[in-house]
Amino acid sequence: MRIKLIVNPVAGQKKVKRYISKIKEILGLDNWLNLEITEGRRHSFHLARKAAEEKHDIVVACGGDGTAHEVVNGVISSGVSIPVGFIPFGASNAYALSLGIPANPTEACQIILRKKIRSIDLGKTCNQFVSHYFLSMAGIGFDAEATYLVKPLLKEIFGGVPAHILAGAYGLVRFDRTKLFVEIDGSPHVGYQMLIFNGKFYGAGLKAASNADMTDGYLDVYLFKQGRKRDFLRYVMGVVGGHYSRFKDVEYFRTKKIKIDASRKTWVQLDGEVVGTLPQEFEICSQAIKVITA
């Protein structure tokens, strides 16, 4: 079996470096293993695309949600259908949690070798210039603004989760409410923050979309209707506590397509990666990619 292993060397505050020899030993046994170390943003995308085009049997993303996001987009862009495996080393690992992949790297390697493959849905967002796919979730509004503020140096100094907390606190102080104009199934809606789920998890182990299913052909959407800072603080606490979906000012939808615009510049994040600004159109791509699961 030809395996392309794509490793983000700074994932998990560089924890991945302590395990790389063991990972090579396990995956390299009776297989042809080609390891590539990423050197910066988008490098995982290009490595994954090339691996798919070269007809590797499996591409393995070794890193956090950002690495998985780039690898999946690289494979999709190649037009070649090959399975993607994951060895999670990030701060949140929402994709791994949704797919039942353990955080222990040795156990994750064993799952890859068992090669239990299934096809899952992907979310897709596009504007007139470019398209992106996402595994787990998308955020539009305050959470994307906070994600934009999380710079690599901040994560390197404090770690992924503390860096996001600090950026979120700063973002709440400086955030100006931005009205979102949303069209779902042809019906107009207005809000100030939106979360769109393909998987069940938001980040840092937060199970934020219990109804979401990566194989049901739908996106699970939550629209937050109020725009005051105290409302955003309440929403954040609700997401952390897992009870925000019960708020009367949070609307829930299951849909296949969404159009979103805003009254001013508004960031969009996919799987914890900022990919651009509104306007955007979102849709579900059923059974779009093959992944190795537990």
C-alpha atoms as a PDB file:
ATOM      1  CA  MET A   1       0.000   0.000   0.000  1.00  0.00           C
ATOM      2  CA  ARG A   2       1.366   3.416  -1.011  1.00  0.00           C
ATOM      3  CA  ILE A   3       0.811   5.921   1.795  1.00  0.00           C
ATOM      4  CA  LYS A   4       1.500   9.651   1.625  1.00  0.00           C
ATOM      5  CA  LEU A   5       1.983  11.010   5.153  1.00  0.00           C
ATOM      6  CA  ILE A   6       1.666  14.809   5.371  1.00  0.00           C
ATOM      7  CA  VAL A   7       2.963  16.146   8.696  1.00  0.00           C
ATOM      8  CA  ASN A   8       2.511  19.619  10.158  1.00  0.00           C
ATOM      9  CA  PRO A   9       5.633  19.909  12.376  1.00  0.00           C
ATOM     10  CA  VAL A  10       4.191  22.646  14.608  1.00  0.00           C
ATOM     11  CA  ALA A  11       0.873  20.907  15.341  1.00  0.00           C
ATOM     12  CA  GLY A  12      -0.029  20.542  19.000  1.00  0.00           C
ATOM     13  CA  GLN A  13       2.717  22.985  20.001  1.00  0.00           C
ATOM     14  CA  LYS A  14       5.181  20.750  18.097  1.00  0.00           C
ATOM     15  CA  LYS A  15       4.096  17.638  20.037  1.00  0.00           C
ATOM     16  CA  VAL A  16       3.943  15.772  16.748  1.00  0.00           C
ATOM     17  CA  LYS A  17       7.764  15.701  16.601  1.00  0.00           C
ATOM     18  CA  ARG A  18       7.884  13.372  19.614  1.00  0.00           C
ATOM     19  CA  TYR A  19       5.763  10.774  17.845  1.00  0.00           C
ATOM     20  CA  ILE A  20       6.914  10.939  14.233  1.00  0.00           C
ATOM     21  CA  SER A  21       9.400   8.048  14.520  1.00  0.00           C
ATOM     22  CA  LYS A  22       6.730   5.758  15.997  1.00  0.00           C
ATOM     23  CA  ILE A  23       4.214   6.806  13.343  1.00  0.00           C
ATOM     24  CA  LYS A  24       6.727   6.025  10.587  1.00  0.00           C
ATOM     25  CA  GLU A  25       7.462   2.651  12.160  1.00  0.00           C
ATOM     26  CA  ILE A  26       3.785   1.633  12.343  1.00  0.00           C
ATOM     27  CA  LEU A  27       2.622   2.930   8.963  1.00  0.00           C
ATOM     28  CA  GLY A  28       5.815   1.882   7.193  1.00  0.00           C
ATOM     29  CA  LEU A  29       5.511  -1.775   8.169  1.00  0.00           C
ATOM     30  CA  ASP A  30       4.773  -3.724   4.959  1.00  0.00           C
ATOM     31  CA  ASN A  31       3.822  -0.456   3.209  1.00  0.00           C
ATOM     32  CA  TRP A  32       5.571   2.060   0.976  1.00  0.00           C
ATOM     33  CA  LEU A  33       5.517   5.228   3.078  1.00  0.00           C
ATOM     34  CA  ASN A  34       6.379   8.659   1.720  1.00  0.00           C
ATOM     35  CA  LEU A  35       6.604  11.373   4.414  1.00  0.00           C
ATOM     36  CA  GLU A  36       6.346  15.080   3.638  1.00  0.00           C
ATOM     37  CA  ILE A  37       6.868  17.885   6.177  1.00  0.00           C
ATOM     38  CA  THR A  38       4.822  21.013   5.564  1.00  0.00           C
ATOM     39  CA  GLU A  39       6.589  24.348   5.379  1.00  0.00           C
ATOM     40  CA  GLY A  40       3.759  26.838   5.687  1.00  0.00           C
ATOM     41  CA  ARG A  41       0.206  27.757   4.850  1.00  0.00           C
ATOM     42  CA  ARG A  42      -1.347  25.903   1.883  1.00  0.00           C
ATOM     43  CA  HIS A  43       1.607  23.516   1.605  1.00  0.00           C
ATOM     44  CA  SER A  44      -0.571  20.603   2.806  1.00  0.00           C
ATOM     45  CA  PHE A  45      -3.057  21.422   0.042  1.00  0.00           C
ATOM     46  CA  HIS A  46      -0.449  21.148  -2.711  1.00  0.00           C
ATOM     47  CA  LEU A  47       1.145  18.001  -1.256  1.00  0.00           C
ATOM     48  CA  ALA A  48      -2.233  16.270  -0.986  1.00  0.00           C
ATOM     49  CA  ARG A  49      -3.239  17.230  -4.500  1.00  0.00           C
ATOM     50  CA  LYS A  50       0.034  15.911  -5.889  1.00  0.00           C
ATOM     51  CA  ALA A  51      -0.286  12.674  -3.900  1.00  0.00           C
ATOM     52  CA  ALA A  52      -3.772  12.077  -5.301  1.00  0.00           C
ATOM     53  CA  GLU A  53      -2.620  12.791  -8.833  1.00  0.00           C
ATOM     54  CA  GLU A  54       0.265  10.339  -8.360  1.00  0.00           C
ATOM     55  CA  LYS A  55      -2.263   7.627  -7.396  1.00  0.00           C
ATOM     56  CA  HIS A  56      -1.205   6.979  -3.812  1.00  0.00           C
ATOM     57  CA  ASP A  57      -3.524   4.525  -2.081  1.00  0.00           C
ATOM     58  CA  ILE A  58      -4.030   6.731   0.993  1.00  0.00           C
ATOM     59  CA  VAL A  59      -3.228  10.300   2.006  1.00  0.00           C
ATOM     60  CA  VAL A  60      -2.799  10.807   5.761  1.00  0.00           C
ATOM     61  CA  ALA A  61      -3.109  14.227   7.418  1.00  0.00           C
ATOM     62  CA  CYS A  62      -0.991  14.395  10.570  1.00  0.00           C
ATOM     63  CA  GLY A  63      -1.807  17.619  12.406  1.00  0.00           C
ATOM     64  CA  GLY A  64      -4.779  19.684  13.494  1.00  0.00           C
ATOM     65  CA  ASP A  65      -8.039  20.760  11.893  1.00  0.00           C
ATOM     66  CA  GLY A  66      -6.188  23.196   9.630  1.00  0.00           C
ATOM     67  CA  THR A  67      -3.980  20.454   8.203  1.00  0.00           C
ATOM     68  CA  ALA A  68      -6.985  18.170   7.681  1.00  0.00           C
ATOM     69  CA  HIS A  69      -8.854  21.024   6.000  1.00  0.00           C
ATOM     70  CA  GLU A  70      -6.022  21.666   3.533  1.00  0.00           C
ATOM     71  CA  VAL A  71      -5.482  17.972   2.788  1.00  0.00           C
ATOM     72  CA  VAL A  72      -9.164  17.383   2.054  1.00  0.00           C
ATOM     73  CA  ASN A  73      -9.310  20.420  -0.226  1.00  0.00           C
ATOM     74  CA  GLY A  74      -6.158  19.257  -2.007  1.00  0.00           C
ATOM     75  CA  VAL A  75      -7.582  15.790  -2.663  1.00  0.00           C
ATOM     76  CA  ILE A  76     -10.919  17.199  -3.851  1.00  0.00           C
ATOM     77  CA  SER A  77      -9.192  19.651  -6.205  1.00  0.00           C
ATOM     78  CA  SER A  78      -7.277  16.797  -7.855  1.00  0.00           C
ATOM     79  CA  GLY A  79     -10.448  15.151  -9.101  1.00  0.00           C
ATOM     80  CA  VAL A  80      -9.013  11.778  -8.006  1.00  0.00           C
ATOM     81  CA  SER A  81     -10.941   9.724  -5.452  1.00  0.00           C
ATOM     82  CA  ILE A  82      -8.538   8.356  -2.816  1.00  0.00           C
ATOM     83  CA  PRO A  83      -9.166   7.857   0.920  1.00  0.00           C
ATOM     84  CA  VAL A  84      -7.948  10.353   3.505  1.00  0.00           C
ATOM     85  CA  GLY A  85      -6.744   9.228   6.924  1.00  0.00           C
ATOM     86  CA  PHE A  86      -6.180  11.384  10.017  1.00  0.00           C
ATOM     87  CA  ILE A  87      -3.729  11.385  12.909  1.00  0.00           C
ATOM     88  CA  PRO A  88      -4.954  14.239  15.154  1.00  0.00           C
ATOM     89  CA  PHE A  89      -2.487  16.563  16.867  1.00  0.00           C
ATOM     90  CA  GLY A  90      -4.390  19.853  16.977  1.00  0.00           C
ATOM     91  CA  ALA A  91      -5.961  21.918  19.721  1.00  0.00           C
ATOM     92  CA  SER A  92      -9.527  20.899  18.882  1.00  0.00           C
ATOM     93  CA  ASN A  93      -9.541  18.005  16.382  1.00  0.00           C
ATOM     94  CA  ALA A  94     -13.237  18.441  15.587  1.00  0.00           C
ATOM     95  CA  TYR A  95     -12.933  16.299  12.458  1.00  0.00           C
ATOM     96  CA  ALA A  96     -11.410  13.379  14.409  1.00  0.00           C
ATOM     97  CA  LEU A  97     -14.076  13.555  17.098  1.00  0.00           C
ATOM     98  CA  SER A  98     -16.848  13.498  14.497  1.00  0.00           C
ATOM     99  CA  LEU A  99     -15.296  10.445  12.823  1.00  0.00           C
ATOM    100  CA  GLY A 100     -14.501   8.580  16.044  1.00  0.00           C
ATOM    101  CA  ILE A 101     -10.732   8.746  15.593  1.00  0.00           C
ATOM    102  CA  PRO A 102      -8.820   8.559  18.896  1.00  0.00           C
ATOM    103  CA  ALA A 103      -6.354  11.226  20.001  1.00  0.00           C
ATOM    104  CA  ASN A 104      -3.713   8.584  20.741  1.00  0.00           C
ATOM    105  CA  PRO A 105      -1.440   8.602  17.643  1.00  0.00           C
ATOM    106  CA  THR A 106      -0.621   4.885  17.895  1.00  0.00           C
ATOM    107  CA  GLU A 107      -4.315   3.969  17.931  1.00  0.00           C
ATOM    108  CA  ALA A 108      -4.995   6.389  15.068  1.00  0.00           C
ATOM    109  CA  CYS A 109      -2.283   4.658  13.015  1.00  0.00           C
ATOM    110  CA  GLN A 110      -3.853   1.263  13.653  1.00  0.00           C
ATOM    111  CA  ILE A 111      -7.199   2.583  12.389  1.00  0.00           C
ATOM    112  CA  ILE A 112      -5.511   3.727   9.180  1.00  0.00           C
ATOM    113  CA  LEU A 113      -3.973   0.284   8.658  1.00  0.00           C
ATOM    114  CA  ARG A 114      -7.384  -1.389   9.119  1.00  0.00           C
ATOM    115  CA  LYS A 115      -8.542   0.794   6.215  1.00  0.00           C
ATOM    116  CA  LYS A 116     -12.231   0.971   7.090  1.00  0.00           C
ATOM    117  CA  ILE A 117     -13.406   3.405   4.428  1.00  0.00           C
ATOM    118  CA  ARG A 118     -16.660   5.274   4.079  1.00  0.00           C
ATOM    119  CA  SER A 119     -17.827   8.230   2.037  1.00  0.00           C
ATOM    120  CA  ILE A 120     -18.925  11.363   3.884  1.00  0.00           C
ATOM    121  CA  ASP A 121     -20.470  14.690   2.975  1.00  0.00           C
ATOM    122  CA  LEU A 122     -18.500  17.902   2.711  1.00  0.00           C
ATOM    123  CA  GLY A 123     -19.717  21.452   3.093  1.00  0.00           C
ATOM    124  CA  LYS A 124     -18.808  23.800   0.274  1.00  0.00           C
ATOM    125  CA  THR A 125     -18.675  27.570   0.139  1.00  0.00           C
ATOM    126  CA  CYS A 126     -18.050  29.713  -2.900  1.00  0.00           C
ATOM    127  CA  ASN A 127     -18.195  33.236  -4.222  1.00  0.00           C
ATOM    128  CA  GLN A 128     -17.550  34.459  -7.739  1.00  0.00           C
ATOM    129  CA  PHE A 129     -13.811  33.892  -7.359  1.00  0.00           C
ATOM    130  CA  VAL A 130     -13.041  30.688  -5.427  1.00  0.00           C
ATOM    131  CA  SER A 131     -14.532  27.619  -3.716  1.00  0.00           C
ATOM    132  CA  HIS A 132     -13.568  25.887  -0.454  1.00  0.00           C
ATOM    133  CA  TYR A 133     -14.707  22.661   1.191  1.00  0.00           C
ATOM    134  CA  PHE A 134     -15.064  22.005   4.902  1.00  0.00           C
ATOM    135  CA  LEU A 135     -15.190  18.833   6.962  1.00  0.00           C
ATOM    136  CA  SER A 136     -16.687  19.914  10.264  1.00  0.00           C
ATOM    137  CA  MET A 137     -18.168  23.393  10.404  1.00  0.00           C
ATOM    138  CA  ALA A 138     -18.240  26.987   9.229  1.00  0.00           C
ATOM    139  CA  GLY A 139     -18.616  30.189  11.225  1.00  0.00           C
ATOM    140  CA  ILE A 140     -19.691  33.614  10.011  1.00  0.00           C
ATOM    141  CA  GLY A 141     -19.493  36.695  12.221  1.00  0.00           C
ATOM    142  CA  PHE A 142     -17.958  36.996  15.668  1.00  0.00           C
ATOM    143  CA  ASP A 143     -16.287  33.576  15.822  1.00  0.00           C
ATOM    144  CA  ALA A 144     -14.668  34.096  12.410  1.00  0.00           C
ATOM    145  CA  GLU A 145     -13.453  37.521  13.571  1.00  0.00           C
ATOM    146  CA  ALA A 146     -11.889  35.878  16.639  1.00  0.00           C
ATOM    147  CA  THR A 147     -10.316  33.187  14.447  1.00  0.00           C
ATOM    148  CA  TYR A 148      -8.854  35.895  12.223  1.00  0.00           C
ATOM    149  CA  LEU A 149      -7.212  37.429  15.303  1.00  0.00           C
ATOM    150  CA  VAL A 150      -5.468  34.157  16.281  1.00  0.00           C
ATOM    151  CA  LYS A 151      -2.025  34.657  14.765  1.00  0.00           C
ATOM    152  CA  PRO A 152       0.557  31.826  14.541  1.00  0.00           C
ATOM    153  CA  LEU A 153       2.824  33.481  17.122  1.00  0.00           C
ATOM    154  CA  LEU A 154      -0.051  33.658  19.614  1.00  0.00           C
ATOM    155  CA  LYS A 155      -0.696  29.911  19.215  1.00  0.00           C
ATOM    156  CA  GLU A 156       3.010  29.131  19.507  1.00  0.00           C
ATOM    157  CA  ILE A 157       3.346  31.064  22.779  1.00  0.00           C
ATOM    158  CA  PHE A 158       0.111  30.095  24.539  1.00  0.00           C
ATOM    159  CA  GLY A 159      -1.122  26.974  22.729  1.00  0.00           C
ATOM    160  CA  GLY A 160      -4.183  26.599  20.534  1.00  0.00           C
ATOM    161  CA  VAL A 161      -7.056  26.734  23.032  1.00  0.00           C
ATOM    162  CA  PRO A 162      -5.663  29.591  25.222  1.00  0.00           C
ATOM    163  CA  ALA A 163      -4.814  31.559  22.081  1.00  0.00           C
ATOM    164  CA  HIS A 164      -8.406  31.265  20.841  1.00  0.00           C
ATOM    165  CA  ILE A 165      -9.753  32.316  24.250  1.00  0.00           C
ATOM    166  CA  LEU A 166      -7.518  35.397  24.298  1.00  0.00           C
ATOM    167  CA  ALA A 167      -8.418  36.285  20.727  1.00  0.00           C
ATOM    168  CA  GLY A 168     -12.101  35.779  21.495  1.00  0.00           C
ATOM    169  CA  ALA A 169     -11.939  38.096  24.510  1.00  0.00           C
ATOM    170  CA  TYR A 170     -10.171  40.768  22.492  1.00  0.00           C
ATOM    171  CA  GLY A 171     -12.569  40.248  19.600  1.00  0.00           C
ATOM    172  CA  LEU A 172     -15.571  40.720  21.891  1.00  0.00           C
ATOM    173  CA  VAL A 173     -14.184  44.062  23.069  1.00  0.00           C
ATOM    174  CA  ARG A 174     -13.579  45.384  19.562  1.00  0.00           C
ATOM    175  CA  PHE A 175     -16.418  43.637  17.725  1.00  0.00           C
ATOM    176  CA  ASP A 176     -19.048  45.766  15.978  1.00  0.00           C
ATOM    177  CA  ARG A 177     -22.274  43.967  15.262  1.00  0.00           C
ATOM    178  CA  THR A 178     -22.778  43.193  11.615  1.00  0.00           C
ATOM    179  CA  LYS A 179     -26.180  42.287  10.242  1.00  0.00           C
ATOM    180  CA  LEU A 180     -26.259  39.082   8.205  1.00  0.00           C
ATOM    181  CA  PHE A 181     -28.749  38.716   5.372  1.00  0.00           C
ATOM    182  CA  VAL A 182     -29.453  35.030   4.923  1.00  0.00           C
ATOM    183  CA  GLU A 183     -31.497  33.091   2.379  1.00  0.00           C
ATOM    184  CA  ILE A 184     -32.381  29.503   3.328  1.00  0.00           C
ATOM    185  CA  ASP A 185     -34.542  27.445   0.969  1.00  0.00           C
ATOM    186  CA  GLY A 186     -35.627  30.679  -0.704  1.00  0.00           C
ATOM    187  CA  SER A 187     -36.769  32.269   2.573  1.00  0.00           C
ATOM    188  CA  PRO A 188     -35.047  35.440   3.904  1.00  0.00           C
ATOM    189  CA  HIS A 189     -33.710  35.684   7.469  1.00  0.00           C
ATOM    190  CA  VAL A 190     -31.657  38.228   9.430  1.00  0.00           C
ATOM    191  CA  GLY A 191     -29.157  37.631  12.246  1.00  0.00           C
ATOM    192  CA  TYR A 192     -25.728  38.581  13.561  1.00  0.00           C
ATOM    193  CA  GLN A 193     -23.841  35.275  13.802  1.00  0.00           C
ATOM    194  CA  MET A 194     -24.187  31.942  12.042  1.00  0.00           C
ATOM    195  CA  LEU A 195     -22.763  28.480  12.641  1.00  0.00           C
ATOM    196  CA  ILE A 196     -23.056  25.837   9.914  1.00  0.00           C
ATOM    197  CA  PHE A 197     -22.293  22.206  10.760  1.00  0.00           C
ATOM    198  CA  ASN A 198     -21.489  19.115   8.772  1.00  0.00           C
ATOM    199  CA  GLY A 199     -20.085  17.279  11.821  1.00  0.00           C
ATOM    200  CA  LYS A 200     -21.177  17.406  15.441  1.00  0.00           C
ATOM    201  CA  PHE A 201     -18.214  19.253  16.946  1.00  0.00           C
ATOM    202  CA  TYR A 202     -17.239  22.913  16.994  1.00  0.00           C
ATOM    203  CA  GLY A 203     -13.757  22.849  18.503  1.00  0.00           C
ATOM    204  CA  ALA A 204     -11.838  21.985  21.656  1.00  0.00           C
ATOM    205  CA  GLY A 205     -14.159  19.010  22.154  1.00  0.00           C
ATOM    206  CA  LEU A 206     -17.365  21.081  22.138  1.00  0.00           C
ATOM    207  CA  LYS A 207     -20.282  18.988  20.879  1.00  0.00           C
ATOM    208  CA  ALA A 208     -22.277  21.855  19.439  1.00  0.00           C
ATOM    209  CA  ALA A 209     -24.515  20.184  16.840  1.00  0.00           C
ATOM    210  CA  SER A 210     -25.925  16.959  18.227  1.00  0.00           C
ATOM    211  CA  ASN A 211     -28.274  16.486  15.241  1.00  0.00           C
ATOM    212  CA  ALA A 212     -25.557  16.817  12.608  1.00  0.00           C
ATOM    213  CA  ASP A 213     -24.599  13.751  10.584  1.00  0.00           C
ATOM    214  CA  MET A 214     -21.754  13.667   8.049  1.00  0.00           C
ATOM    215  CA  THR A 215     -23.715  11.260   5.831  1.00  0.00           C
ATOM    216  CA  ASP A 216     -27.264  12.677   5.815  1.00  0.00           C
ATOM    217  CA  GLY A 217     -26.896  15.116   2.900  1.00  0.00           C
ATOM    218  CA  TYR A 218     -27.808  18.191   4.975  1.00  0.00           C
ATOM    219  CA  LEU A 219     -26.159  21.131   6.701  1.00  0.00           C
ATOM    220  CA  ASP A 220     -27.262  21.938  10.254  1.00  0.00           C
ATOM    221  CA  VAL A 221     -27.529  25.703  10.642  1.00  0.00           C
ATOM    222  CA  TYR A 222     -27.862  27.951  13.703  1.00  0.00           C
ATOM    223  CA  LEU A 223     -28.672  31.646  13.231  1.00  0.00           C
ATOM    224  CA  PHE A 224     -28.120  33.965  16.210  1.00  0.00           C
ATOM    225  CA  LYS A 225     -30.662  36.778  16.097  1.00  0.00           C
ATOM    226  CA  GLN A 226     -29.343  39.401  18.530  1.00  0.00           C
ATOM    227  CA  GLY A 227     -26.310  41.634  18.056  1.00  0.00           C
ATOM    228  CA  ARG A 228     -25.458  43.257  21.391  1.00  0.00           C
ATOM    229  CA  LYS A 229     -22.153  42.425  23.054  1.00  0.00           C
ATOM    230  CA  ARG A 230     -23.876  40.901  26.046  1.00  0.00           C
ATOM    231  CA  ASP A 231     -25.802  38.672  23.648  1.00  0.00           C
ATOM    232  CA  PHE A 232     -22.569  37.491  22.045  1.00  0.00           C
ATOM    233  CA  LEU A 233     -21.124  36.731  25.472  1.00  0.00           C
ATOM    234  CA  ARG A 234     -24.274  34.734  26.271  1.00  0.00           C
ATOM    235  CA  TYR A 235     -24.008  32.906  22.938  1.00  0.00           C
ATOM    236  CA  VAL A 236     -20.355  32.008  23.561  1.00  0.00           C
ATOM    237  CA  MET A 237     -21.182  30.654  27.009  1.00  0.00           C
ATOM    238  CA  GLY A 238     -24.087  28.738  25.494  1.00  0.00           C
ATOM    239  CA  VAL A 239     -21.863  27.088  22.896  1.00  0.00           C
ATOM    240  CA  VAL A 240     -19.285  26.198  25.553  1.00  0.00           C
ATOM    241  CA  GLY A 241     -22.019  24.823  27.814  1.00  0.00           C
ATOM    242  CA  GLY A 242     -23.749  22.980  24.984  1.00  0.00           C
ATOM    243  CA  HIS A 243     -27.173  24.570  25.548  1.00  0.00           C
ATOM    244  CA  TYR A 244     -27.234  27.473  23.070  1.00  0.00           C
ATOM    245  CA  SER A 245     -29.622  25.618  20.746  1.00  0.00           C
ATOM    246  CA  ARG A 246     -32.347  26.049  23.378  1.00  0.00           C
ATOM    247  CA  PHE A 247     -32.112  29.860  23.298  1.00  0.00           C
ATOM    248  CA  LYS A 248     -35.279  31.453  21.958  1.00  0.00           C
ATOM    249  CA  ASP A 249     -33.237  33.885  19.856  1.00  0.00           C
ATOM    250  CA  VAL A 250     -31.299  31.116  18.058  1.00  0.00           C
ATOM    251  CA  GLU A 251     -33.004  29.621  14.984  1.00  0.00           C
ATOM    252  CA  TYR A 252     -32.205  26.126  13.736  1.00  0.00           C
ATOM    253  CA  PHE A 253     -32.453  24.876  10.132  1.00  0.00           C
ATOM    254  CA  ARG A 254     -31.577  21.772   8.155  1.00  0.00           C
ATOM    255  CA  THR A 255     -30.855  22.676   4.569  1.00  0.00           C
ATOM    256  CA  LYS A 256     -28.812  21.943   1.478  1.00  0.00           C
ATOM    257  CA  LYS A 257     -28.112  25.500   0.300  1.00  0.00           C
ATOM    258  CA  ILE A 258     -27.591  28.896   1.949  1.00  0.00           C
ATOM    259  CA  LYS A 259     -26.828  32.365   0.603  1.00  0.00           C
ATOM    260  CA  ILE A 260     -25.281  34.913   2.981  1.00  0.00           C
ATOM    261  CA  ASP A 261     -24.354  38.568   2.650  1.00  0.00           C
ATOM    262  CA  ALA A 262     -23.660  41.279   5.238  1.00  0.00           C
ATOM    263  CA  SER A 263     -23.945  44.995   5.856  1.00  0.00           C
ATOM    264  CA  ARG A 264     -20.145  45.341   6.089  1.00  0.00           C
ATOM    265  CA  LYS A 265     -16.947  43.300   5.726  1.00  0.00           C
ATOM    266  CA  THR A 266     -17.490  39.976   7.518  1.00  0.00           C
ATOM    267  CA  TRP A 267     -15.027  37.107   7.838  1.00  0.00           C
ATOM    268  CA  VAL A 268     -15.812  33.456   7.135  1.00  0.00           C
ATOM    269  CA  GLN A 269     -13.970  30.564   8.802  1.00  0.00           C
ATOM    270  CA  LEU A 270     -14.062  26.910   7.791  1.00  0.00           C
ATOM    271  CA  ASP A 271     -12.718  24.241  10.158  1.00  0.00           C
ATOM    272  CA  GLY A 272     -10.928  27.019  12.066  1.00  0.00           C
ATOM    273  CA  GLU A 273      -9.306  28.495   8.930  1.00  0.00           C
ATOM    274  CA  VAL A 274     -10.270  31.979   7.717  1.00  0.00           C
ATOM    275  CA  VAL A 275     -10.960  31.699   3.984  1.00  0.00           C
ATOM    276  CA  GLY A 276     -12.382  35.096   3.027  1.00  0.00           C
ATOM    277  CA  THR A 277     -15.352  37.383   3.480  1.00  0.00           C
ATOM    278  CA  LEU A 278     -19.020  37.564   2.544  1.00  0.00           C
ATOM    279  CA  PRO A 279     -20.948  37.280   0.280  1.00  0.00           C
ATOM    280  CA  GLN A 280     -20.800  33.481   0.041  1.00  0.00           C
ATOM    281  CA  GLU A 281     -23.033  30.619  -0.988  1.00  0.00           C
ATOM    282  CA  PHE A 282     -22.934  27.394   1.043  1.00  0.00           C
ATOM    283  CA  GLU A 283     -24.089  23.946   0.005  1.00  0.00           C
ATOM    284  CA  ILE A 284     -23.739  20.309   1.012  1.00  0.00           C
ATOM    285  CA  CYS A 285     -21.855  17.940  -1.285  1.00  0.00           C
ATOM    286  CA  SER A 286     -23.176  14.459  -0.521  1.00  0.00           C
ATOM    287  CA  GLN A 287     -20.715  11.553  -0.296  1.00  0.00           C
ATOM    288  CA  ALA A 288     -18.003  13.870  -1.605  1.00  0.00           C
ATOM    289  CA  ILE A 289     -14.888  12.235  -0.159  1.00  0.00           C
ATOM    290  CA  LYS A 290     -13.662   8.886   1.138  1.00  0.00           C
ATOM    291  CA  VAL A 291     -12.227   8.862   4.668  1.00  0.00           C
ATOM    292  CA  ILE A 292     -10.804   6.203   6.975  1.00  0.00           C
ATOM    293  CA  THR A 293     -12.828   5.946  10.162  1.00  0.00           C
ATOM    294  CA  ALA A 294     -12.840   3.941  13.375  1.00  0.00           C
END
